[in-house]
Amino acid sequence: MLFRHKNSAHRSIDTPQGESDNLKVAHARAVSSMMGYIMSPKPNAPAMQLSDEYGNPKSVDTLQRDFWKYNYRTFQTYDDVVGSHINFTVAVEHPKIANEVYSIVERVILHE
């Protein structure tokens, strides 16, 4: 919900609820390319190696492929209510959210 309210809709800028100017800017940047991106390692991902088994440097294409193969793209923002950073990894969270929504819809349909 934090990402939906603060980032996707830019609620802290469009209809502020007392957020500081610095926090508004942080929320707006959190899902933009301006803030770069955070990568979270996938479960059981090997450590990234800059060279092959013989010590030769890996090509930039190989490093980039491995980087995306073994990591998830993660968005991060700061929640002043909680007092810490909150991470959102779409590849991890989406299935959980989709299952929750599906179960709610299923209950509504079964009760009619």
PDB file of N, CA and C in Angstrom:
ATOM      1  N   MET A   1       0.836  -1.197   0.000  1.00  0.00           N
ATOM      2  CA  MET A   1       0.000   0.000   0.000  1.00  0.00           C
ATOM      3  C   MET A   1       0.870   1.247   0.000  1.00  0.00           C
ATOM      4  N   LEU A   2       1.983   1.210   0.716  1.00  0.00           N
ATOM      5  CA  LEU A   2       2.857   2.370   0.758  1.00  0.00           C
ATOM      6  C   LEU A   2       3.298   2.760  -0.639  1.00  0.00           C
ATOM      7  N   PHE A   3       3.711   1.786  -1.437  1.00  0.00           N
ATOM      8  CA  PHE A   3       4.155   2.098  -2.793  1.00  0.00           C
ATOM      9  C   PHE A   3       2.997   2.573  -3.656  1.00  0.00           C
ATOM     10  N   ARG A   4       1.845   1.991  -3.480  1.00  0.00           N
ATOM     11  CA  ARG A   4       0.691   2.423  -4.269  1.00  0.00           C
ATOM     12  C   ARG A   4       0.356   3.875  -3.966  1.00  0.00           C
ATOM     13  N   HIS A   5       0.265   4.222  -2.716  1.00  0.00           N
ATOM     14  CA  HIS A   5      -0.121   5.578  -2.350  1.00  0.00           C
ATOM     15  C   HIS A   5       0.972   6.605  -2.607  1.00  0.00           C
ATOM     16  N   LYS A   6       2.170   6.280  -2.224  1.00  0.00           N
ATOM     17  CA  LYS A   6       3.248   7.261  -2.268  1.00  0.00           C
ATOM     18  C   LYS A   6       3.909   7.369  -3.630  1.00  0.00           C
ATOM     19  N   ASN A   7       4.083   6.248  -4.315  1.00  0.00           N
ATOM     20  CA  ASN A   7       4.878   6.256  -5.532  1.00  0.00           C
ATOM     21  C   ASN A   7       4.051   6.210  -6.802  1.00  0.00           C
ATOM     22  N   SER A   8       3.248   5.180  -6.941  1.00  0.00           N
ATOM     23  CA  SER A   8       2.523   4.993  -8.193  1.00  0.00           C
ATOM     24  C   SER A   8       1.617   6.175  -8.496  1.00  0.00           C
ATOM     25  N   ALA A   9       0.906   6.644  -7.508  1.00  0.00           N
ATOM     26  CA  ALA A   9      -0.014   7.761  -7.717  1.00  0.00           C
ATOM     27  C   ALA A   9       0.626   9.096  -7.332  1.00  0.00           C
ATOM     28  N   HIS A  10       1.838   9.067  -6.816  1.00  0.00           N
ATOM     29  CA  HIS A  10       2.510  10.283  -6.354  1.00  0.00           C
ATOM     30  C   HIS A  10       1.610  11.060  -5.400  1.00  0.00           C
ATOM     31  N   ARG A  11       0.906  10.335  -4.540  1.00  0.00           N
ATOM     32  CA  ARG A  11      -0.034  10.967  -3.632  1.00  0.00           C
ATOM     33  C   ARG A  11       0.632  12.005  -2.745  1.00  0.00           C
ATOM     34  N   SER A  12       1.866  11.759  -2.335  1.00  0.00           N
ATOM     35  CA  SER A  12       2.515  12.698  -1.431  1.00  0.00           C
ATOM     36  C   SER A  12       2.773  14.042  -2.098  1.00  0.00           C
ATOM     37  N   ILE A  13       2.724  14.088  -3.422  1.00  0.00           N
ATOM     38  CA  ILE A  13       2.885  15.359  -4.141  1.00  0.00           C
ATOM     39  C   ILE A  13       1.522  15.902  -4.553  1.00  0.00           C
ATOM     40  N   ASP A  14       0.659  15.056  -5.097  1.00  0.00           N
ATOM     41  CA  ASP A  14      -0.642  15.504  -5.597  1.00  0.00           C
ATOM     42  C   ASP A  14      -1.587  15.938  -4.476  1.00  0.00           C
ATOM     43  N   THR A  15      -1.658  15.161  -3.434  1.00  0.00           N
ATOM     44  CA  THR A  15      -2.502  15.500  -2.278  1.00  0.00           C
ATOM     45  C   THR A  15      -1.721  15.189  -1.008  1.00  0.00           C
ATOM     46  N   PRO A  16      -0.800  16.073  -0.650  1.00  0.00           N
ATOM     47  CA  PRO A  16       0.071  15.807   0.498  1.00  0.00           C
ATOM     48  C   PRO A  16      -0.693  15.668   1.805  1.00  0.00           C
ATOM     49  N   GLN A  17      -0.120  14.869   2.674  1.00  0.00           N
ATOM     50  CA  GLN A  17      -0.700  14.632   3.996  1.00  0.00           C
ATOM     51  C   GLN A  17       0.306  15.027   5.078  1.00  0.00           C
ATOM     52  N   GLY A  18       1.039  16.118   4.840  1.00  0.00           N
ATOM     53  CA  GLY A  18       2.001  16.597   5.821  1.00  0.00           C
ATOM     54  C   GLY A  18       3.418  16.097   5.617  1.00  0.00           C
ATOM     55  N   GLU A  19       3.710  15.450   4.479  1.00  0.00           N
ATOM     56  CA  GLU A  19       5.068  14.980   4.216  1.00  0.00           C
ATOM     57  C   GLU A  19       5.997  16.177   4.016  1.00  0.00           C
ATOM     58  N   SER A  20       7.253  16.021   4.429  1.00  0.00           N
ATOM     59  CA  SER A  20       8.238  17.073   4.206  1.00  0.00           C
ATOM     60  C   SER A  20       8.566  17.152   2.717  1.00  0.00           C
ATOM     61  N   ASP A  21       9.131  18.278   2.299  1.00  0.00           N
ATOM     62  CA  ASP A  21       9.514  18.428   0.894  1.00  0.00           C
ATOM     63  C   ASP A  21      10.537  17.376   0.497  1.00  0.00           C
ATOM     64  N   ASN A  22      11.473  17.078   1.383  1.00  0.00           N
ATOM     65  CA  ASN A  22      12.479  16.053   1.084  1.00  0.00           C
ATOM     66  C   ASN A  22      11.841  14.684   0.875  1.00  0.00           C
ATOM     67  N   LEU A  23      10.857  14.356   1.689  1.00  0.00           N
ATOM     68  CA  LEU A  23      10.186  13.066   1.560  1.00  0.00           C
ATOM     69  C   LEU A  23       9.366  13.005   0.276  1.00  0.00           C
ATOM     70  N   LYS A  24       8.744  14.105  -0.115  1.00  0.00           N
ATOM     71  CA  LYS A  24       7.989  14.148  -1.372  1.00  0.00           C
ATOM     72  C   LYS A  24       8.911  13.845  -2.554  1.00  0.00           C
ATOM     73  N   VAL A  25      10.078  14.464  -2.545  1.00  0.00           N
ATOM     74  CA  VAL A  25      11.041  14.233  -3.628  1.00  0.00           C
ATOM     75  C   VAL A  25      11.502  12.779  -3.616  1.00  0.00           C
ATOM     76  N   ALA A  26      11.779  12.227  -2.441  1.00  0.00           N
ATOM     77  CA  ALA A  26      12.210  10.830  -2.343  1.00  0.00           C
ATOM     78  C   ALA A  26      11.142   9.887  -2.877  1.00  0.00           C
ATOM     79  N   HIS A  27       9.887  10.162  -2.564  1.00  0.00           N
ATOM     80  CA  HIS A  27       8.804   9.316  -3.059  1.00  0.00           C
ATOM     81  C   HIS A  27       8.685   9.399  -4.579  1.00  0.00           C
ATOM     82  N   ALA A  28       8.799  10.591  -5.120  1.00  0.00           N
ATOM     83  CA  ALA A  28       8.688  10.759  -6.575  1.00  0.00           C
ATOM     84  C   ALA A  28       9.831  10.061  -7.298  1.00  0.00           C
ATOM     85  N   ARG A  29      11.007  10.088  -6.716  1.00  0.00           N
ATOM     86  CA  ARG A  29      12.173   9.474  -7.357  1.00  0.00           C
ATOM     87  C   ARG A  29      12.233   7.960  -7.198  1.00  0.00           C
ATOM     88  N   ALA A  30      11.556   7.428  -6.206  1.00  0.00           N
ATOM     89  CA  ALA A  30      11.723   6.028  -5.830  1.00  0.00           C
ATOM     90  C   ALA A  30      11.477   5.054  -6.970  1.00  0.00           C
ATOM     91  N   VAL A  31      10.553   5.349  -7.851  1.00  0.00           N
ATOM     92  CA  VAL A  31      10.279   4.431  -8.958  1.00  0.00           C
ATOM     93  C   VAL A  31      10.726   5.008 -10.290  1.00  0.00           C
ATOM     94  N   SER A  32      11.628   5.966 -10.263  1.00  0.00           N
ATOM     95  CA  SER A  32      12.126   6.555 -11.503  1.00  0.00           C
ATOM     96  C   SER A  32      13.573   6.133 -11.728  1.00  0.00           C
ATOM     97  N   SER A  33      14.057   6.382 -12.928  1.00  0.00           N
ATOM     98  CA  SER A  33      15.445   6.055 -13.232  1.00  0.00           C
ATOM     99  C   SER A  33      16.412   7.018 -12.556  1.00  0.00           C
ATOM    100  N   MET A  34      15.907   8.122 -12.027  1.00  0.00           N
ATOM    101  CA  MET A  34      16.771   9.102 -11.360  1.00  0.00           C
ATOM    102  C   MET A  34      17.469   8.502 -10.143  1.00  0.00           C
ATOM    103  N   MET A  35      16.819   7.583  -9.472  1.00  0.00           N
ATOM    104  CA  MET A  35      17.389   7.001  -8.258  1.00  0.00           C
ATOM    105  C   MET A  35      18.219   5.750  -8.542  1.00  0.00           C
ATOM    106  N   GLY A  36      18.395   5.418  -9.810  1.00  0.00           N
ATOM    107  CA  GLY A  36      19.085   4.176 -10.101  1.00  0.00           C
ATOM    108  C   GLY A  36      18.193   3.017  -9.726  1.00  0.00           C
ATOM    109  N   TYR A  37      18.781   1.909  -9.351  1.00  0.00           N
ATOM    110  CA  TYR A  37      17.949   0.793  -8.932  1.00  0.00           C
ATOM    111  C   TYR A  37      18.719  -0.094  -7.972  1.00  0.00           C
ATOM    112  N   ILE A  38      17.951  -0.836  -7.217  1.00  0.00           N
ATOM    113  CA  ILE A  38      18.508  -1.778  -6.259  1.00  0.00           C
ATOM    114  C   ILE A  38      18.222  -3.169  -6.803  1.00  0.00           C
ATOM    115  N   MET A  39      19.190  -4.035  -6.679  1.00  0.00           N
ATOM    116  CA  MET A  39      18.995  -5.411  -7.080  1.00  0.00           C
ATOM    117  C   MET A  39      19.089  -6.288  -5.839  1.00  0.00           C
ATOM    118  N   SER A  40      18.141  -7.217  -5.695  1.00  0.00           N
ATOM    119  CA  SER A  40      18.134  -8.153  -4.580  1.00  0.00           C
ATOM    120  C   SER A  40      18.472  -9.534  -5.109  1.00  0.00           C
ATOM    121  N   PRO A  41      19.417 -10.229  -4.493  1.00  0.00           N
ATOM    122  CA  PRO A  41      19.798 -11.557  -4.997  1.00  0.00           C
ATOM    123  C   PRO A  41      18.635 -12.544  -4.934  1.00  0.00           C
ATOM    124  N   LYS A  42      18.517 -13.349  -5.960  1.00  0.00           N
ATOM    125  CA  LYS A  42      17.527 -14.428  -5.968  1.00  0.00           C
ATOM    126  C   LYS A  42      17.996 -15.517  -5.010  1.00  0.00           C
ATOM    127  N   PRO A  43      17.062 -16.333  -4.522  1.00  0.00           N
ATOM    128  CA  PRO A  43      17.468 -17.422  -3.632  1.00  0.00           C
ATOM    129  C   PRO A  43      18.493 -18.328  -4.316  1.00  0.00           C
ATOM    130  N   ASN A  44      19.500 -18.708  -3.578  1.00  0.00           N
ATOM    131  CA  ASN A  44      20.559 -19.609  -4.063  1.00  0.00           C
ATOM    132  C   ASN A  44      21.361 -19.045  -5.233  1.00  0.00           C
ATOM    133  N   ALA A  45      21.365 -17.734  -5.410  1.00  0.00           N
ATOM    134  CA  ALA A  45      22.144 -17.124  -6.490  1.00  0.00           C
ATOM    135  C   ALA A  45      23.629 -17.238  -6.163  1.00  0.00           C
ATOM    136  N   PRO A  46      24.434 -17.575  -7.165  1.00  0.00           N
ATOM    137  CA  PRO A  46      25.878 -17.640  -6.896  1.00  0.00           C
ATOM    138  C   PRO A  46      26.443 -16.232  -6.732  1.00  0.00           C
ATOM    139  N   ALA A  47      27.577 -16.139  -6.092  1.00  0.00           N
ATOM    140  CA  ALA A  47      28.252 -14.849  -5.971  1.00  0.00           C
ATOM    141  C   ALA A  47      28.675 -14.385  -7.357  1.00  0.00           C
ATOM    142  N   MET A  48      28.533 -13.110  -7.613  1.00  0.00           N
ATOM    143  CA  MET A  48      28.929 -12.576  -8.916  1.00  0.00           C
ATOM    144  C   MET A  48      30.451 -12.641  -9.056  1.00  0.00           C
ATOM    145  N   GLN A  49      30.904 -13.142 -10.188  1.00  0.00           N
ATOM    146  CA  GLN A  49      32.329 -13.248 -10.476  1.00  0.00           C
ATOM    147  C   GLN A  49      32.672 -12.303 -11.629  1.00  0.00           C
ATOM    148  N   LEU A  50      33.719 -11.512 -11.466  1.00  0.00           N
ATOM    149  CA  LEU A  50      34.118 -10.575 -12.514  1.00  0.00           C
ATOM    150  C   LEU A  50      35.018 -11.218 -13.563  1.00  0.00           C
ATOM    151  N   SER A  51      35.485 -12.429 -13.282  1.00  0.00           N
ATOM    152  CA  SER A  51      36.327 -13.114 -14.263  1.00  0.00           C
ATOM    153  C   SER A  51      35.870 -14.558 -14.413  1.00  0.00           C
ATOM    154  N   ASP A  52      36.280 -15.179 -15.500  1.00  0.00           N
ATOM    155  CA  ASP A  52      35.905 -16.574 -15.718  1.00  0.00           C
ATOM    156  C   ASP A  52      36.805 -17.482 -14.886  1.00  0.00           C
ATOM    157  N   GLU A  53      36.662 -18.800 -15.048  1.00  0.00           N
ATOM    158  CA  GLU A  53      37.406 -19.749 -14.213  1.00  0.00           C
ATOM    159  C   GLU A  53      38.918 -19.675 -14.434  1.00  0.00           C
ATOM    160  N   TYR A  54      39.340 -19.061 -15.543  1.00  0.00           N
ATOM    161  CA  TYR A  54      40.779 -18.942 -15.831  1.00  0.00           C
ATOM    162  C   TYR A  54      41.325 -17.565 -15.452  1.00  0.00           C
ATOM    163  N   GLY A  55      40.481 -16.709 -14.877  1.00  0.00           N
ATOM    164  CA  GLY A  55      40.930 -15.383 -14.458  1.00  0.00           C
ATOM    165  C   GLY A  55      40.776 -14.304 -15.517  1.00  0.00           C
ATOM    166  N   ASN A  56      40.247 -14.688 -16.695  1.00  0.00           N
ATOM    167  CA  ASN A  56      40.035 -13.693 -17.744  1.00  0.00           C
ATOM    168  C   ASN A  56      38.813 -12.838 -17.411  1.00  0.00           C
ATOM    169  N   PRO A  57      38.896 -11.525 -17.605  1.00  0.00           N
ATOM    170  CA  PRO A  57      37.728 -10.678 -17.314  1.00  0.00           C
ATOM    171  C   PRO A  57      36.529 -11.074 -18.177  1.00  0.00           C
ATOM    172  N   LYS A  58      35.344 -11.110 -17.551  1.00  0.00           N
ATOM    173  CA  LYS A  58      34.118 -11.395 -18.304  1.00  0.00           C
ATOM    174  C   LYS A  58      33.734 -10.173 -19.123  1.00  0.00           C
ATOM    175  N   SER A  59      33.061 -10.404 -20.231  1.00  0.00           N
ATOM    176  CA  SER A  59      32.610  -9.288 -21.053  1.00  0.00           C
ATOM    177  C   SER A  59      31.492  -8.538 -20.332  1.00  0.00           C
ATOM    178  N   VAL A  60      31.298  -7.298 -20.722  1.00  0.00           N
ATOM    179  CA  VAL A  60      30.237  -6.487 -20.131  1.00  0.00           C
ATOM    180  C   VAL A  60      28.886  -7.148 -20.374  1.00  0.00           C
ATOM    181  N   ASP A  61      28.682  -7.720 -21.564  1.00  0.00           N
ATOM    182  CA  ASP A  61      27.419  -8.399 -21.872  1.00  0.00           C
ATOM    183  C   ASP A  61      27.191  -9.594 -20.942  1.00  0.00           C
ATOM    184  N   THR A  62      28.237 -10.360 -20.682  1.00  0.00           N
ATOM    185  CA  THR A  62      28.123 -11.524 -19.796  1.00  0.00           C
ATOM    186  C   THR A  62      27.829 -11.084 -18.369  1.00  0.00           C
ATOM    187  N   LEU A  63      28.517 -10.046 -17.909  1.00  0.00           N
ATOM    188  CA  LEU A  63      28.270  -9.539 -16.555  1.00  0.00           C
ATOM    189  C   LEU A  63      26.845  -9.022 -16.412  1.00  0.00           C
ATOM    190  N   GLN A  64      26.379  -8.299 -17.432  1.00  0.00           N
ATOM    191  CA  GLN A  64      25.017  -7.757 -17.380  1.00  0.00           C
ATOM    192  C   GLN A  64      23.988  -8.884 -17.401  1.00  0.00           C
ATOM    193  N   ARG A  65      24.211  -9.899 -18.234  1.00  0.00           N
ATOM    194  CA  ARG A  65      23.304 -11.044 -18.283  1.00  0.00           C
ATOM    195  C   ARG A  65      23.242 -11.747 -16.930  1.00  0.00           C
ATOM    196  N   ASP A  66      24.413 -11.992 -16.334  1.00  0.00           N
ATOM    197  CA  ASP A  66      24.462 -12.645 -15.025  1.00  0.00           C
ATOM    198  C   ASP A  66      23.803 -11.785 -13.952  1.00  0.00           C
ATOM    199  N   PHE A  67      24.024 -10.486 -14.028  1.00  0.00           N
ATOM    200  CA  PHE A  67      23.452  -9.553 -13.062  1.00  0.00           C
ATOM    201  C   PHE A  67      21.934  -9.675 -13.034  1.00  0.00           C
ATOM    202  N   TRP A  68      21.299  -9.671 -14.190  1.00  0.00           N
ATOM    203  CA  TRP A  68      19.833  -9.770 -14.261  1.00  0.00           C
ATOM    204  C   TRP A  68      19.348 -11.201 -14.044  1.00  0.00           C
ATOM    205  N   LYS A  69      20.165 -12.183 -14.376  1.00  0.00           N
ATOM    206  CA  LYS A  69      19.776 -13.582 -14.200  1.00  0.00           C
ATOM    207  C   LYS A  69      19.712 -13.963 -12.725  1.00  0.00           C
ATOM    208  N   TYR A  70      20.611 -13.433 -11.912  1.00  0.00           N
ATOM    209  CA  TYR A  70      20.729 -13.851 -10.522  1.00  0.00           C
ATOM    210  C   TYR A  70      20.192 -12.840  -9.506  1.00  0.00           C
ATOM    211  N   ASN A  71      19.545 -11.770  -9.981  1.00  0.00           N
ATOM    212  CA  ASN A  71      19.025 -10.745  -9.081  1.00  0.00           C
ATOM    213  C   ASN A  71      17.630 -10.303  -9.494  1.00  0.00           C
ATOM    214  N   TYR A  72      16.869  -9.809  -8.530  1.00  0.00           N
ATOM    215  CA  TYR A  72      15.559  -9.211  -8.775  1.00  0.00           C
ATOM    216  C   TYR A  72      15.701  -7.688  -8.740  1.00  0.00           C
ATOM    217  N   ARG A  73      14.916  -7.001  -9.542  1.00  0.00           N
ATOM    218  CA  ARG A  73      14.828  -5.537  -9.506  1.00  0.00           C
ATOM    219  C   ARG A  73      13.972  -5.171  -8.304  1.00  0.00           C
ATOM    220  N   THR A  74      14.472  -4.309  -7.449  1.00  0.00           N
ATOM    221  CA  THR A  74      13.780  -3.933  -6.222  1.00  0.00           C
ATOM    222  C   THR A  74      13.624  -2.424  -6.140  1.00  0.00           C
ATOM    223  N   PHE A  75      12.445  -1.977  -5.744  1.00  0.00           N
ATOM    224  CA  PHE A  75      12.186  -0.561  -5.528  1.00  0.00           C
ATOM    225  C   PHE A  75      12.254  -0.301  -4.026  1.00  0.00           C
ATOM    226  N   GLN A  76      12.711   0.886  -3.661  1.00  0.00           N
ATOM    227  CA  GLN A  76      12.824   1.207  -2.248  1.00  0.00           C
ATOM    228  C   GLN A  76      12.351   2.632  -1.999  1.00  0.00           C
ATOM    229  N   THR A  77      11.676   2.819  -0.887  1.00  0.00           N
ATOM    230  CA  THR A  77      11.290   4.151  -0.452  1.00  0.00           C
ATOM    231  C   THR A  77      11.425   4.218   1.054  1.00  0.00           C
ATOM    232  N   TYR A  78      11.242   5.393   1.583  1.00  0.00           N
ATOM    233  CA  TYR A  78      11.344   5.588   3.025  1.00  0.00           C
ATOM    234  C   TYR A  78       9.966   5.846   3.590  1.00  0.00           C
ATOM    235  N   ASP A  79       9.623   5.147   4.653  1.00  0.00           N
ATOM    236  CA  ASP A  79       8.340   5.334   5.321  1.00  0.00           C
ATOM    237  C   ASP A  79       8.607   6.027   6.654  1.00  0.00           C
ATOM    238  N   ASP A  80       8.179   7.296   6.763  1.00  0.00           N
ATOM    239  CA  ASP A  80       8.456   8.026   7.991  1.00  0.00           C
ATOM    240  C   ASP A  80       7.614   7.542   9.162  1.00  0.00           C
ATOM    241  N   VAL A  81       6.499   6.862   8.896  1.00  0.00           N
ATOM    242  CA  VAL A  81       5.687   6.311   9.988  1.00  0.00           C
ATOM    243  C   VAL A  81       6.429   5.148  10.656  1.00  0.00           C
ATOM    244  N   VAL A  82       6.957   4.252   9.842  1.00  0.00           N
ATOM    245  CA  VAL A  82       7.708   3.106  10.351  1.00  0.00           C
ATOM    246  C   VAL A  82       9.111   3.532  10.789  1.00  0.00           C
ATOM    247  N   GLY A  83       9.640   4.553  10.101  1.00  0.00           N
ATOM    248  CA  GLY A  83      10.977   5.033  10.422  1.00  0.00           C
ATOM    249  C   GLY A  83      12.083   4.236   9.779  1.00  0.00           C
ATOM    250  N   SER A  84      11.784   3.605   8.644  1.00  0.00           N
ATOM    251  CA  SER A  84      12.815   2.836   7.945  1.00  0.00           C
ATOM    252  C   SER A  84      12.473   2.743   6.460  1.00  0.00           C
ATOM    253  N   HIS A  85      13.415   2.166   5.713  1.00  0.00           N
ATOM    254  CA  HIS A  85      13.197   1.950   4.287  1.00  0.00           C
ATOM    255  C   HIS A  85      12.308   0.732   4.080  1.00  0.00           C
ATOM    256  N   ILE A  86      11.501   0.795   3.044  1.00  0.00           N
ATOM    257  CA  ILE A  86      10.609  -0.293   2.670  1.00  0.00           C
ATOM    258  C   ILE A  86      10.989  -0.728   1.262  1.00  0.00           C
ATOM    259  N   ASN A  87      11.196  -2.024   1.064  1.00  0.00           N
ATOM    260  CA  ASN A  87      11.534  -2.564  -0.256  1.00  0.00           C
ATOM    261  C   ASN A  87      10.323  -3.248  -0.870  1.00  0.00           C
ATOM    262  N   PHE A  88      10.237  -3.151  -2.196  1.00  0.00           N
ATOM    263  CA  PHE A  88       9.181  -3.821  -2.947  1.00  0.00           C
ATOM    264  C   PHE A  88       9.822  -4.471  -4.161  1.00  0.00           C
ATOM    265  N   THR A  89       9.768  -5.795  -4.217  1.00  0.00           N
ATOM    266  CA  THR A  89      10.323  -6.556  -5.337  1.00  0.00           C
ATOM    267  C   THR A  89       9.155  -7.166  -6.097  1.00  0.00           C
ATOM    268  N   VAL A  90       8.885  -6.641  -7.268  1.00  0.00           N
ATOM    269  CA  VAL A  90       7.708  -7.042  -8.032  1.00  0.00           C
ATOM    270  C   VAL A  90       7.683  -8.546  -8.280  1.00  0.00           C
ATOM    271  N   ALA A  91       8.796  -9.114  -8.692  1.00  0.00           N
ATOM    272  CA  ALA A  91       8.832 -10.551  -9.011  1.00  0.00           C
ATOM    273  C   ALA A  91       8.496 -11.417  -7.803  1.00  0.00           C
ATOM    274  N   VAL A  92       8.769 -10.933  -6.609  1.00  0.00           N
ATOM    275  CA  VAL A  92       8.486 -11.686  -5.393  1.00  0.00           C
ATOM    276  C   VAL A  92       7.085 -11.383  -4.877  1.00  0.00           C
ATOM    277  N   GLU A  93       6.728 -10.104  -4.863  1.00  0.00           N
ATOM    278  CA  GLU A  93       5.458  -9.686  -4.268  1.00  0.00           C
ATOM    279  C   GLU A  93       4.243  -9.908  -5.172  1.00  0.00           C
ATOM    280  N   HIS A  94       4.411  -9.817  -6.476  1.00  0.00           N
ATOM    281  CA  HIS A  94       3.266  -9.925  -7.382  1.00  0.00           C
ATOM    282  C   HIS A  94       2.490 -11.223  -7.218  1.00  0.00           C
ATOM    283  N   PRO A  95       3.151 -12.388  -7.186  1.00  0.00           N
ATOM    284  CA  PRO A  95       2.378 -13.625  -6.993  1.00  0.00           C
ATOM    285  C   PRO A  95       1.585 -13.638  -5.689  1.00  0.00           C
ATOM    286  N   LYS A  96       2.165 -13.085  -4.611  1.00  0.00           N
ATOM    287  CA  LYS A  96       1.458 -13.032  -3.327  1.00  0.00           C
ATOM    288  C   LYS A  96       0.219 -12.143  -3.437  1.00  0.00           C
ATOM    289  N   ILE A  97       0.383 -10.989  -4.051  1.00  0.00           N
ATOM    290  CA  ILE A  97      -0.726 -10.049  -4.203  1.00  0.00           C
ATOM    291  C   ILE A  97      -1.797 -10.645  -5.112  1.00  0.00           C
ATOM    292  N   ALA A  98      -1.387 -11.253  -6.228  1.00  0.00           N
ATOM    293  CA  ALA A  98      -2.344 -11.851  -7.162  1.00  0.00           C
ATOM    294  C   ALA A  98      -3.141 -12.965  -6.486  1.00  0.00           C
ATOM    295  N   ASN A  99      -2.489 -13.802  -5.700  1.00  0.00           N
ATOM    296  CA  ASN A  99      -3.199 -14.875  -4.989  1.00  0.00           C
ATOM    297  C   ASN A  99      -4.186 -14.321  -3.972  1.00  0.00           C
ATOM    298  N   GLU A 100      -3.800 -13.273  -3.282  1.00  0.00           N
ATOM    299  CA  GLU A 100      -4.694 -12.658  -2.308  1.00  0.00           C
ATOM    300  C   GLU A 100      -5.925 -12.070  -2.993  1.00  0.00           C
ATOM    301  N   VAL A 101      -5.705 -11.358  -4.094  1.00  0.00           N
ATOM    302  CA  VAL A 101      -6.822 -10.777  -4.837  1.00  0.00           C
ATOM    303  C   VAL A 101      -7.728 -11.877  -5.390  1.00  0.00           C
ATOM    304  N   TYR A 102      -7.135 -12.918  -5.937  1.00  0.00           N
ATOM    305  CA  TYR A 102      -7.918 -14.021  -6.485  1.00  0.00           C
ATOM    306  C   TYR A 102      -8.786 -14.657  -5.407  1.00  0.00           C
ATOM    307  N   SER A 103      -8.220 -14.865  -4.209  1.00  0.00           N
ATOM    308  CA  SER A 103      -9.000 -15.498  -3.140  1.00  0.00           C
ATOM    309  C   SER A 103     -10.157 -14.599  -2.696  1.00  0.00           C
ATOM    310  N   ILE A 104      -9.970 -13.295  -2.703  1.00  0.00           N
ATOM    311  CA  ILE A 104     -11.056 -12.368  -2.353  1.00  0.00           C
ATOM    312  C   ILE A 104     -12.159 -12.426  -3.396  1.00  0.00           C
ATOM    313  N   VAL A 105     -11.778 -12.374  -4.669  1.00  0.00           N
ATOM    314  CA  VAL A 105     -12.757 -12.447  -5.751  1.00  0.00           C
ATOM    315  C   VAL A 105     -13.503 -13.774  -5.693  1.00  0.00           C
ATOM    316  N   GLU A 106     -12.784 -14.852  -5.436  1.00  0.00           N
ATOM    317  CA  GLU A 106     -13.396 -16.169  -5.345  1.00  0.00           C
ATOM    318  C   GLU A 106     -14.439 -16.215  -4.219  1.00  0.00           C
ATOM    319  N   ARG A 107     -14.113 -15.643  -3.076  1.00  0.00           N
ATOM    320  CA  ARG A 107     -15.071 -15.612  -1.955  1.00  0.00           C
ATOM    321  C   ARG A 107     -16.301 -14.802  -2.282  1.00  0.00           C
ATOM    322  N   VAL A 108     -16.110 -13.679  -2.957  1.00  0.00           N
ATOM    323  CA  VAL A 108     -17.257 -12.843  -3.336  1.00  0.00           C
ATOM    324  C   VAL A 108     -18.169 -13.596  -4.296  1.00  0.00           C
ATOM    325  N   ILE A 109     -17.587 -14.271  -5.277  1.00  0.00           N
ATOM    326  CA  ILE A 109     -18.377 -15.011  -6.272  1.00  0.00           C
ATOM    327  C   ILE A 109     -19.103 -16.183  -5.622  1.00  0.00           C
ATOM    328  N   LEU A 110     -18.431 -16.907  -4.726  1.00  0.00           N
ATOM    329  CA  LEU A 110     -19.040 -18.061  -4.086  1.00  0.00           C
ATOM    330  C   LEU A 110     -20.178 -17.677  -3.127  1.00  0.00           C
ATOM    331  N   HIS A 111     -20.156 -16.466  -2.611  1.00  0.00           N
ATOM    332  CA  HIS A 111     -21.199 -16.027  -1.688  1.00  0.00           C
ATOM    333  C   HIS A 111     -22.423 -15.460  -2.390  1.00  0.00           C
ATOM    334  N   GLU A 112     -22.358 -15.295  -3.693  1.00  0.00           N
ATOM    335  CA  GLU A 112     -23.519 -14.747  -4.407  1.00  0.00           C
ATOM    336  C   GLU A 112     -24.441 -15.840  -4.876  1.00  0.00           C
TER     337      GLU A 112
END
